[in-house]
Amino acid sequence: VPSVKPGYLRPLVPEQAPEKPEPWTAVMADIERVVMSGVTHWQSPRFHAYFPTANSYPGIVADMLSGAIACIGFSWISSPACTELEVVMLDWLGQMLGLPEEFLARSGGEGGGVIQGTASEATLVALLGAKSRAVKHAKELHPEWTEIEIISKLVGYCNKQAHSSVERAGLLGGIKMRTLKHDNKRRLRADTLREAMDEDIRNGLIPFYVVATLGTTSSCTFDALDEIGDLLATREDVWLHVDAAYAGSAFICPEYRYLMKGIEKADSFNFNPHKWLLVTFDCSAMWLKQPRWIVDAFNVDPLYLKHDQQGSAPDYRHWQIPLGRRFRSLKLWFVLRLYGVENLQKYIRKHIALAHFFEKLCIADERFEIFEEVTMGLVCFRLKNTNEINEELLRRINGRGKIHLVPSKIDDVYFLRLALCSRFSEES
């Protein structure tokens, strides 16, 4: 972690852009002088904060090629390879995870995948698709209601431990998101969800969207997806989105797929290969069973964007918030081919094994306790003492500058998080 203070960079560079071109040597020298002095080294084996951000030579080279090709793949005709490789790569990746066929384009049905920039975007995109579907169905049942009246009644739900981007999606989508209390294992359960939905229905509201989290940010817990899916199967107008931003990468290993039991009941699913699958940022994989609701929500089709092949292949501009998009599937293609599924599985298993190694060290020291069951590459631990003592411990750890951790707090219990982030991490 750098030792610079806010505002460090401005005095190191001129006040204005140069009138004349500068030599490459000068620019590269300033990378060290100006940039590297203020970089947090996320790829260091001593960096254990947040969750990982992936990095690999195949991903780096593919990103360079994407920049060199420099296409903007908003529609099939704008660069057919950009669209078609993405369709196939999302099918490859979906098969690696064991996703149901109805999520895959190769099934011949309606479903398919798309690369978003982040899981936050995927959550918002799913919410807007759910909103579009809910408004249409409500108008069919109540033609006298205006669209504004319908939207004012819509309400979505998530675990109190869901990522803050879920609540933010509600703000951006103009609807109410309720954060619900978890059980003693920090999971959202179907009974809690049922009570909240029934209460809202009695109050004249319309439940329309649920986010189930597989691998929460604070402590990597897993909502009870299977029972939530069973509940929502009886309520057809409620969209179930699954956010597995971090933990989803582990589902390429068959032994961890029990954590995604019930995925066939979801309407959309998302995880970030750019977190834990060695694909450089940004690459957030999203699958939808019925992408038509997203397309309907986002479809603005001026003449200058039309082409003769519309309907024969996806125009991904209708599957996302921006218009333009980079050739992101290239890096997925490179990583999957140059590592192979077998080596990616080994990478995931190694990180989880290292997490269990650190867990054992904590258990062996009677001063410490494990706050959350270790299932992935994250260990939540604390001293058996007050929150204040644990805060002081974190200050001392980070103050030494040897490793970097971040804390979290659940139900007023403060704990430290150690995440395995680097592909260079070893036991010693």
Protein backbone atom coordinates (compact mmCIF):
# COMPACT_ATOMS: atom_id res chain seq x y z
CA VAL A 1 0.00 0.00 0.00
CA PRO A 2 1.53 3.38 -0.94
CA SER A 3 2.37 5.95 1.72
CA VAL A 4 1.25 8.97 -0.34
CA LYS A 5 -1.39 11.47 0.79
CA PRO A 6 -4.39 12.78 -1.20
CA GLY A 7 -3.24 15.32 -3.77
CA TYR A 8 0.28 13.85 -4.03
CA LEU A 9 0.21 13.59 -7.83
CA ARG A 10 -0.64 17.12 -9.02
CA PRO A 11 2.71 18.69 -8.04
CA LEU A 12 4.53 15.93 -9.93
CA VAL A 13 3.07 16.80 -13.35
CA PRO A 14 2.85 20.05 -15.36
CA GLU A 15 -0.21 22.27 -15.06
CA GLN A 16 -1.03 21.85 -18.77
CA ALA A 17 -0.62 19.24 -21.52
CA PRO A 18 2.60 19.64 -23.57
CA GLU A 19 2.41 21.57 -26.83
CA LYS A 20 5.14 19.44 -28.42
CA PRO A 21 5.39 15.64 -28.29
CA GLU A 22 7.57 14.14 -25.60
CA PRO A 23 9.87 11.09 -26.01
CA TRP A 24 8.76 7.64 -24.88
CA THR A 25 11.67 7.53 -22.45
CA ALA A 26 10.32 10.54 -20.56
CA VAL A 27 6.82 9.09 -20.38
CA MET A 28 8.03 5.69 -19.17
CA ALA A 29 10.30 7.30 -16.58
CA ASP A 30 7.27 9.10 -15.19
CA ILE A 31 5.43 5.81 -14.77
CA GLU A 32 7.88 5.03 -11.96
CA ARG A 33 8.14 8.58 -10.60
CA VAL A 34 4.46 9.58 -10.78
CA VAL A 35 2.30 6.47 -11.03
CA MET A 36 3.97 3.55 -9.29
CA SER A 37 4.61 5.57 -6.16
CA GLY A 38 0.84 5.83 -5.75
CA VAL A 39 -0.21 2.30 -6.75
CA THR A 40 -1.72 -0.23 -4.37
CA HIS A 41 -0.28 -3.59 -5.39
CA TRP A 42 -3.35 -5.82 -5.61
CA GLN A 43 -1.34 -8.66 -7.15
CA SER A 44 1.16 -8.87 -4.28
CA PRO A 45 1.01 -12.09 -2.23
CA ARG A 46 0.94 -9.81 0.83
CA PHE A 47 -2.29 -8.10 -0.29
CA HIS A 48 -5.26 -9.72 1.50
CA ALA A 49 -7.90 -6.96 1.41
CA TYR A 50 -11.35 -6.84 -0.21
CA PHE A 51 -11.64 -9.67 -2.77
CA PRO A 52 -9.13 -10.51 -5.53
CA THR A 53 -8.91 -8.73 -8.85
CA ALA A 54 -7.62 -11.18 -11.43
CA ASN A 55 -4.43 -10.87 -13.42
CA SER A 56 -2.61 -13.14 -15.87
CA TYR A 57 -0.38 -12.89 -18.92
CA PRO A 58 -3.05 -14.31 -21.28
CA GLY A 59 -5.52 -11.70 -19.99
CA ILE A 60 -3.01 -8.88 -20.37
CA VAL A 61 -2.06 -9.87 -23.94
CA ALA A 62 -5.72 -10.25 -24.94
CA ASP A 63 -6.49 -6.78 -23.54
CA MET A 64 -3.64 -5.38 -25.63
CA LEU A 65 -5.07 -7.08 -28.74
CA SER A 66 -8.52 -5.73 -27.92
CA GLY A 67 -7.04 -2.23 -27.80
CA ALA A 68 -5.19 -2.81 -31.07
CA ILE A 69 -8.27 -4.15 -32.89
CA ALA A 70 -10.21 -1.19 -31.48
CA CYS A 71 -13.73 -2.21 -32.45
CA ILE A 72 -16.85 -0.98 -30.66
CA GLY A 73 -19.10 -4.03 -30.67
CA PHE A 74 -22.49 -2.52 -29.89
CA SER A 75 -24.22 -4.58 -32.61
CA TRP A 76 -23.45 -7.65 -34.68
CA ILE A 77 -22.66 -5.63 -37.81
CA SER A 78 -20.33 -3.27 -35.93
CA SER A 79 -17.93 -6.23 -35.54
CA PRO A 80 -19.37 -9.73 -36.02
CA ALA A 81 -16.41 -11.49 -34.35
CA CYS A 82 -16.84 -9.36 -31.22
CA THR A 83 -20.45 -10.47 -30.80
CA GLU A 84 -20.10 -14.09 -31.91
CA LEU A 85 -17.04 -14.89 -29.79
CA GLU A 86 -18.87 -13.48 -26.74
CA VAL A 87 -21.89 -15.71 -27.39
CA VAL A 88 -19.67 -18.80 -27.60
CA MET A 89 -17.45 -17.86 -24.64
CA LEU A 90 -20.46 -17.37 -22.36
CA ASP A 91 -21.64 -20.84 -23.42
CA TRP A 92 -18.18 -22.30 -22.66
CA LEU A 93 -18.13 -20.61 -19.27
CA GLY A 94 -21.71 -21.58 -18.46
CA GLN A 95 -20.92 -25.22 -19.19
CA MET A 96 -17.84 -25.01 -16.94
CA LEU A 97 -20.09 -23.85 -14.08
CA GLY A 98 -22.75 -26.47 -14.72
CA LEU A 99 -25.44 -23.90 -15.51
CA PRO A 100 -28.77 -25.25 -16.82
CA GLU A 101 -28.99 -25.40 -20.61
CA GLU A 102 -31.80 -22.83 -20.69
CA PHE A 103 -29.24 -20.16 -19.72
CA LEU A 104 -27.07 -20.99 -22.75
CA ALA A 105 -27.39 -19.76 -26.33
CA ARG A 106 -26.39 -23.17 -27.65
CA SER A 107 -29.65 -24.62 -26.30
CA GLY A 108 -31.50 -23.09 -29.23
CA GLY A 109 -33.92 -21.41 -26.84
CA GLU A 110 -34.19 -17.81 -25.79
CA GLY A 111 -31.48 -17.75 -23.12
CA GLY A 112 -27.92 -16.56 -23.42
CA GLY A 113 -25.02 -14.75 -21.82
CA VAL A 114 -23.44 -11.31 -22.00
CA ILE A 115 -20.33 -9.71 -20.54
CA GLN A 116 -21.11 -6.70 -18.35
CA GLY A 117 -18.49 -4.38 -16.87
CA THR A 118 -19.21 -5.22 -13.22
CA ALA A 119 -21.60 -7.20 -11.03
CA SER A 120 -23.11 -3.85 -10.02
CA GLU A 121 -24.14 -3.30 -13.66
CA ALA A 122 -25.55 -6.82 -13.90
CA THR A 123 -27.69 -6.29 -10.79
CA LEU A 124 -29.06 -3.03 -12.21
CA VAL A 125 -29.66 -4.55 -15.66
CA ALA A 126 -31.58 -7.46 -14.10
CA LEU A 127 -33.61 -5.05 -11.97
CA LEU A 128 -34.56 -2.96 -15.02
CA GLY A 129 -35.59 -6.09 -16.91
CA ALA A 130 -37.67 -7.23 -13.94
CA LYS A 131 -39.20 -3.76 -13.73
CA SER A 132 -40.14 -3.86 -17.43
CA ARG A 133 -41.81 -7.25 -16.99
CA ALA A 134 -43.64 -6.23 -13.81
CA VAL A 135 -45.02 -3.04 -15.38
CA LYS A 136 -46.30 -4.95 -18.41
CA HIS A 137 -48.00 -7.62 -16.31
CA ALA A 138 -49.52 -5.05 -13.92
CA LYS A 139 -50.95 -3.07 -16.86
CA GLU A 140 -52.57 -6.24 -18.19
CA LEU A 141 -54.24 -6.85 -14.82
CA HIS A 142 -55.03 -3.19 -14.09
CA PRO A 143 -55.32 -1.23 -17.34
CA GLU A 144 -56.61 1.77 -15.38
CA TRP A 145 -53.26 2.16 -13.54
CA THR A 146 -50.66 4.52 -14.99
CA GLU A 147 -47.03 3.44 -15.35
CA ILE A 148 -46.02 5.89 -12.64
CA GLU A 149 -48.58 4.38 -10.25
CA ILE A 150 -47.30 0.88 -10.96
CA ILE A 151 -43.65 1.79 -10.46
CA SER A 152 -44.48 3.47 -7.14
CA LYS A 153 -45.84 0.12 -5.91
CA LEU A 154 -42.85 -2.03 -6.94
CA VAL A 155 -40.61 -3.43 -4.22
CA GLY A 156 -37.50 -5.62 -4.35
CA TYR A 157 -35.73 -7.67 -1.67
CA CYS A 158 -32.25 -8.76 -0.68
CA ASN A 159 -30.25 -9.97 2.30
CA LYS A 160 -29.06 -7.25 4.68
CA GLN A 161 -25.59 -8.62 3.88
CA ALA A 162 -26.00 -8.19 0.11
CA HIS A 163 -23.55 -5.89 -1.63
CA SER A 164 -24.32 -2.16 -1.42
CA SER A 165 -24.73 -2.13 -5.22
CA VAL A 166 -28.06 -3.95 -4.81
CA GLU A 167 -29.51 -1.11 -2.77
CA ARG A 168 -27.93 1.33 -5.22
CA ALA A 169 -29.62 -0.46 -8.13
CA GLY A 170 -32.93 0.27 -6.43
CA LEU A 171 -32.04 3.95 -6.18
CA LEU A 172 -31.01 4.11 -9.84
CA GLY A 173 -34.05 2.12 -10.94
CA GLY A 174 -36.43 4.31 -8.98
CA ILE A 175 -37.88 1.52 -6.86
CA LYS A 176 -37.83 0.51 -3.22
CA MET A 177 -35.37 -2.21 -2.15
CA ARG A 178 -35.93 -3.85 1.23
CA THR A 179 -32.92 -5.33 3.01
CA LEU A 180 -34.09 -8.31 5.06
CA LYS A 181 -32.73 -9.81 8.26
CA HIS A 182 -30.59 -12.90 7.87
CA ASP A 183 -30.57 -16.05 10.00
CA ASN A 184 -27.82 -16.94 12.49
CA LYS A 185 -25.60 -18.07 9.60
CA ARG A 186 -26.06 -14.73 7.81
CA ARG A 187 -28.27 -16.31 5.10
CA LEU A 188 -31.50 -14.95 3.66
CA ARG A 189 -34.17 -17.60 4.18
CA ALA A 190 -37.44 -18.20 2.35
CA ASP A 191 -39.59 -17.73 5.47
CA THR A 192 -38.21 -14.24 6.03
CA LEU A 193 -38.75 -13.37 2.39
CA ARG A 194 -42.30 -14.76 2.40
CA GLU A 195 -43.26 -12.69 5.44
CA ALA A 196 -41.88 -9.50 3.88
CA MET A 197 -43.61 -10.11 0.55
CA ASP A 198 -46.96 -10.96 2.16
CA GLU A 199 -46.75 -7.84 4.31
CA ASP A 200 -46.09 -5.67 1.25
CA ILE A 201 -48.92 -7.27 -0.72
CA ARG A 202 -51.31 -6.49 2.15
CA ASN A 203 -50.10 -2.88 1.95
CA GLY A 204 -50.91 -2.67 -1.75
CA LEU A 205 -47.34 -3.07 -3.02
CA ILE A 206 -46.07 -5.34 -5.80
CA PRO A 207 -43.10 -7.64 -5.07
CA PHE A 208 -41.16 -7.98 -8.34
CA TYR A 209 -37.43 -8.61 -7.75
CA VAL A 210 -35.26 -10.66 -5.38
CA VAL A 211 -31.47 -10.78 -5.27
CA ALA A 212 -29.98 -13.94 -3.75
CA THR A 213 -26.29 -13.59 -2.92
CA LEU A 214 -23.90 -16.52 -3.18
CA GLY A 215 -20.82 -15.33 -1.32
CA THR A 216 -21.59 -12.10 0.54
CA THR A 217 -18.94 -9.38 0.60
CA SER A 218 -18.51 -9.12 4.36
CA SER A 219 -18.12 -12.79 5.22
CA CYS A 220 -18.80 -14.93 2.09
CA THR A 221 -22.04 -16.55 3.22
CA PHE A 222 -24.60 -18.08 0.88
CA ASP A 223 -28.30 -17.29 0.80
CA ALA A 224 -30.69 -20.27 0.81
CA LEU A 225 -31.13 -20.18 -2.97
CA ASP A 226 -32.95 -23.49 -3.31
CA GLU A 227 -35.74 -22.64 -0.87
CA ILE A 228 -35.97 -19.04 -2.13
CA GLY A 229 -36.38 -20.43 -5.64
CA ASP A 230 -39.15 -22.77 -4.47
CA LEU A 231 -40.98 -19.86 -2.87
CA LEU A 232 -40.72 -17.68 -5.97
CA ALA A 233 -41.85 -20.53 -8.23
CA THR A 234 -45.30 -19.96 -6.72
CA ARG A 235 -45.09 -16.23 -7.56
CA GLU A 236 -44.41 -16.04 -11.27
CA ASP A 237 -44.09 -12.26 -11.50
CA VAL A 238 -41.09 -12.06 -9.16
CA TRP A 239 -37.68 -12.08 -10.87
CA LEU A 240 -34.89 -14.00 -9.08
CA HIS A 241 -31.39 -12.66 -9.75
CA VAL A 242 -28.35 -14.51 -8.33
CA ASP A 243 -25.27 -12.45 -7.49
CA ALA A 244 -22.21 -14.70 -7.16
CA ALA A 245 -19.67 -12.00 -8.01
CA TYR A 246 -16.76 -13.52 -6.07
CA ALA A 247 -17.71 -17.09 -5.22
CA GLY A 248 -19.11 -17.96 -8.66
CA SER A 249 -15.64 -18.77 -9.98
CA ALA A 250 -15.44 -21.71 -7.54
CA PHE A 251 -18.39 -23.38 -9.26
CA ILE A 252 -16.04 -24.56 -12.03
CA CYS A 253 -15.05 -27.12 -9.35
CA PRO A 254 -17.86 -29.71 -9.08
CA GLU A 255 -17.36 -30.13 -5.31
CA TYR A 256 -18.54 -26.54 -4.68
CA ARG A 257 -21.67 -26.61 -6.84
CA TYR A 258 -23.79 -27.65 -3.85
CA LEU A 259 -23.57 -23.96 -2.90
CA MET A 260 -25.52 -23.02 -6.05
CA LYS A 261 -28.24 -25.64 -5.61
CA GLY A 262 -31.46 -24.20 -6.98
CA ILE A 263 -29.82 -22.15 -9.75
CA GLU A 264 -32.28 -23.61 -12.26
CA LYS A 265 -35.02 -21.58 -10.52
CA ALA A 266 -33.29 -18.23 -11.17
CA ASP A 267 -34.10 -15.79 -13.97
CA SER A 268 -30.55 -14.41 -14.17
CA PHE A 269 -27.13 -15.29 -12.81
CA ASN A 270 -23.91 -13.28 -12.58
CA PHE A 271 -20.32 -13.72 -11.46
CA ASN A 272 -17.00 -11.96 -12.10
CA PRO A 273 -14.25 -13.89 -13.90
CA HIS A 274 -12.23 -10.71 -13.30
CA LYS A 275 -12.21 -11.48 -9.58
CA TRP A 276 -11.02 -15.07 -9.24
CA LEU A 277 -10.67 -16.65 -12.68
CA LEU A 278 -7.48 -14.94 -13.93
CA VAL A 279 -9.34 -12.75 -16.45
CA THR A 280 -8.25 -9.11 -16.20
CA PHE A 281 -10.77 -6.41 -15.28
CA ASP A 282 -13.41 -5.80 -16.60
CA CYS A 283 -15.29 -9.02 -17.30
CA SER A 284 -18.54 -9.73 -15.45
CA ALA A 285 -20.43 -12.71 -16.89
CA MET A 286 -24.23 -12.59 -16.85
CA TRP A 287 -26.77 -15.12 -18.09
CA LEU A 288 -30.49 -14.60 -18.65
CA LYS A 289 -33.24 -17.11 -19.34
CA GLN A 290 -35.41 -14.49 -21.04
CA PRO A 291 -33.24 -11.63 -22.28
CA ARG A 292 -36.23 -10.20 -24.16
CA TRP A 293 -37.23 -8.31 -21.00
CA ILE A 294 -33.83 -6.60 -20.96
CA VAL A 295 -34.03 -5.90 -24.68
CA ASP A 296 -37.54 -4.45 -24.27
CA ALA A 297 -36.36 -2.21 -21.42
CA PHE A 298 -33.29 -0.89 -23.32
CA ASN A 299 -34.43 -0.99 -26.96
CA VAL A 300 -33.88 2.36 -28.66
CA ASP A 301 -33.34 1.66 -32.34
CA PRO A 302 -32.50 4.72 -34.48
CA LEU A 303 -32.07 4.20 -38.21
CA TYR A 304 -28.28 4.65 -38.10
CA LEU A 305 -27.95 1.60 -35.80
CA LYS A 306 -30.20 -0.72 -37.82
CA HIS A 307 -28.74 -3.46 -40.04
CA ASP A 308 -29.92 -6.29 -42.28
CA GLN A 309 -29.02 -9.08 -39.85
CA GLN A 310 -31.08 -7.84 -36.89
CA GLY A 311 -32.76 -10.73 -35.12
CA SER A 312 -30.27 -13.31 -36.43
CA ALA A 313 -27.71 -12.62 -33.69
CA PRO A 314 -27.70 -10.58 -30.46
CA ASP A 315 -27.17 -6.84 -30.63
CA TYR A 316 -25.55 -6.50 -27.23
CA ARG A 317 -26.29 -2.77 -27.00
CA HIS A 318 -29.79 -3.91 -25.98
CA TRP A 319 -28.38 -6.09 -23.17
CA GLN A 320 -26.50 -3.38 -21.28
CA ILE A 321 -26.62 0.22 -20.11
CA PRO A 322 -23.90 1.79 -22.34
CA LEU A 323 -24.03 1.70 -26.13
CA GLY A 324 -20.34 1.00 -26.84
CA ARG A 325 -18.49 -2.08 -25.64
CA ARG A 326 -14.97 -3.42 -25.87
CA PHE A 327 -13.89 -6.80 -27.26
CA ARG A 328 -13.89 -8.33 -23.76
CA SER A 329 -14.50 -11.92 -24.80
CA LEU A 330 -10.96 -12.07 -26.25
CA LYS A 331 -9.40 -12.25 -22.79
CA LEU A 332 -11.88 -14.90 -21.67
CA TRP A 333 -10.98 -16.94 -24.77
CA PHE A 334 -7.24 -16.56 -24.14
CA VAL A 335 -7.43 -17.47 -20.44
CA LEU A 336 -9.66 -20.52 -20.97
CA ARG A 337 -7.45 -21.84 -23.78
CA LEU A 338 -4.01 -21.08 -22.32
CA TYR A 339 -4.81 -22.36 -18.81
CA GLY A 340 -7.47 -24.96 -19.53
CA VAL A 341 -10.27 -25.84 -17.13
CA GLU A 342 -8.03 -28.23 -15.19
CA ASN A 343 -5.47 -25.56 -14.24
CA LEU A 344 -8.16 -23.00 -13.38
CA GLN A 345 -9.69 -25.56 -11.02
CA LYS A 346 -6.27 -26.13 -9.43
CA TYR A 347 -5.92 -22.37 -8.92
CA ILE A 348 -9.27 -22.11 -7.13
CA ARG A 349 -8.58 -25.17 -4.99
CA LYS A 350 -5.14 -23.85 -4.02
CA HIS A 351 -6.61 -20.57 -2.73
CA ILE A 352 -9.28 -22.40 -0.74
CA ALA A 353 -6.64 -24.74 0.71
CA LEU A 354 -4.53 -21.72 1.74
CA ALA A 355 -7.59 -20.20 3.43
CA HIS A 356 -8.08 -23.40 5.43
CA PHE A 357 -4.36 -23.36 6.29
CA PHE A 358 -4.70 -19.87 7.78
CA GLU A 359 -7.94 -20.93 9.50
CA LYS A 360 -6.04 -23.75 11.24
CA LEU A 361 -3.37 -21.29 12.41
CA CYS A 362 -6.09 -19.13 13.98
CA ILE A 363 -7.78 -22.10 15.65
CA ALA A 364 -4.44 -23.28 17.03
CA ASP A 365 -3.96 -19.93 18.78
CA GLU A 366 -6.35 -19.70 21.73
CA ARG A 367 -6.38 -15.89 21.50
CA PHE A 368 -8.29 -15.98 18.18
CA GLU A 369 -11.66 -17.15 16.95
CA ILE A 370 -13.13 -17.73 13.48
CA PHE A 371 -16.16 -15.53 12.89
CA GLU A 372 -17.56 -17.30 9.81
CA GLU A 373 -17.31 -20.81 8.39
CA VAL A 374 -14.53 -20.88 5.77
CA THR A 375 -15.86 -22.15 2.44
CA MET A 376 -13.96 -20.10 -0.15
CA GLY A 377 -10.68 -18.14 -0.15
CA LEU A 378 -11.74 -15.80 2.67
CA VAL A 379 -11.09 -16.14 6.40
CA CYS A 380 -13.00 -13.92 8.85
CA PHE A 381 -11.26 -13.92 12.23
CA ARG A 382 -10.89 -11.83 15.38
CA LEU A 383 -9.31 -11.72 18.79
CA LYS A 384 -11.54 -13.05 21.57
CA ASN A 385 -11.90 -9.56 22.89
CA THR A 386 -13.70 -6.26 22.38
CA ASN A 387 -14.26 -4.52 19.05
CA GLU A 388 -11.82 -1.81 20.15
CA ILE A 389 -9.02 -4.33 20.69
CA ASN A 390 -9.64 -5.79 17.23
CA GLU A 391 -9.60 -2.32 15.70
CA GLU A 392 -6.23 -1.74 17.34
CA LEU A 393 -4.98 -5.07 16.00
CA LEU A 394 -5.89 -4.04 12.45
CA ARG A 395 -4.19 -0.65 12.90
CA ARG A 396 -0.99 -2.39 13.98
CA ILE A 397 -1.10 -4.97 11.18
CA ASN A 398 -1.66 -2.39 8.44
CA GLY A 399 0.67 0.10 10.13
CA ARG A 400 3.60 -2.31 9.77
CA GLY A 401 3.10 -2.30 6.00
CA LYS A 402 3.91 -6.01 5.64
CA ILE A 403 0.40 -7.14 4.66
CA HIS A 404 -2.87 -5.32 4.05
CA LEU A 405 -6.26 -6.33 5.48
CA VAL A 406 -9.67 -4.67 5.71
CA PRO A 407 -12.30 -5.23 8.43
CA SER A 408 -16.03 -5.70 8.47
CA LYS A 409 -18.77 -5.63 11.08
CA ILE A 410 -21.93 -7.73 11.32
CA ASP A 411 -24.48 -7.37 14.14
CA ASP A 412 -22.04 -5.05 15.90
CA VAL A 413 -19.24 -7.64 15.88
CA TYR A 414 -16.02 -6.27 14.37
CA PHE A 415 -13.73 -8.75 12.62
CA LEU A 416 -10.80 -8.88 10.23
CA ARG A 417 -10.97 -10.37 6.73
CA LEU A 418 -8.05 -12.20 5.12
CA ALA A 419 -8.73 -12.83 1.43
CA LEU A 420 -6.44 -14.84 -0.82
CA CYS A 421 -5.89 -12.44 -3.70
CA SER A 422 -2.63 -13.24 -5.49
CA ARG A 423 -1.76 -16.10 -7.79
CA PHE A 424 1.69 -15.97 -6.15
CA SER A 425 0.41 -16.78 -2.64
CA GLU A 426 2.04 -19.78 -0.89
CA GLU A 427 1.93 -21.29 2.61
CA SER A 428 5.20 -19.64 3.60
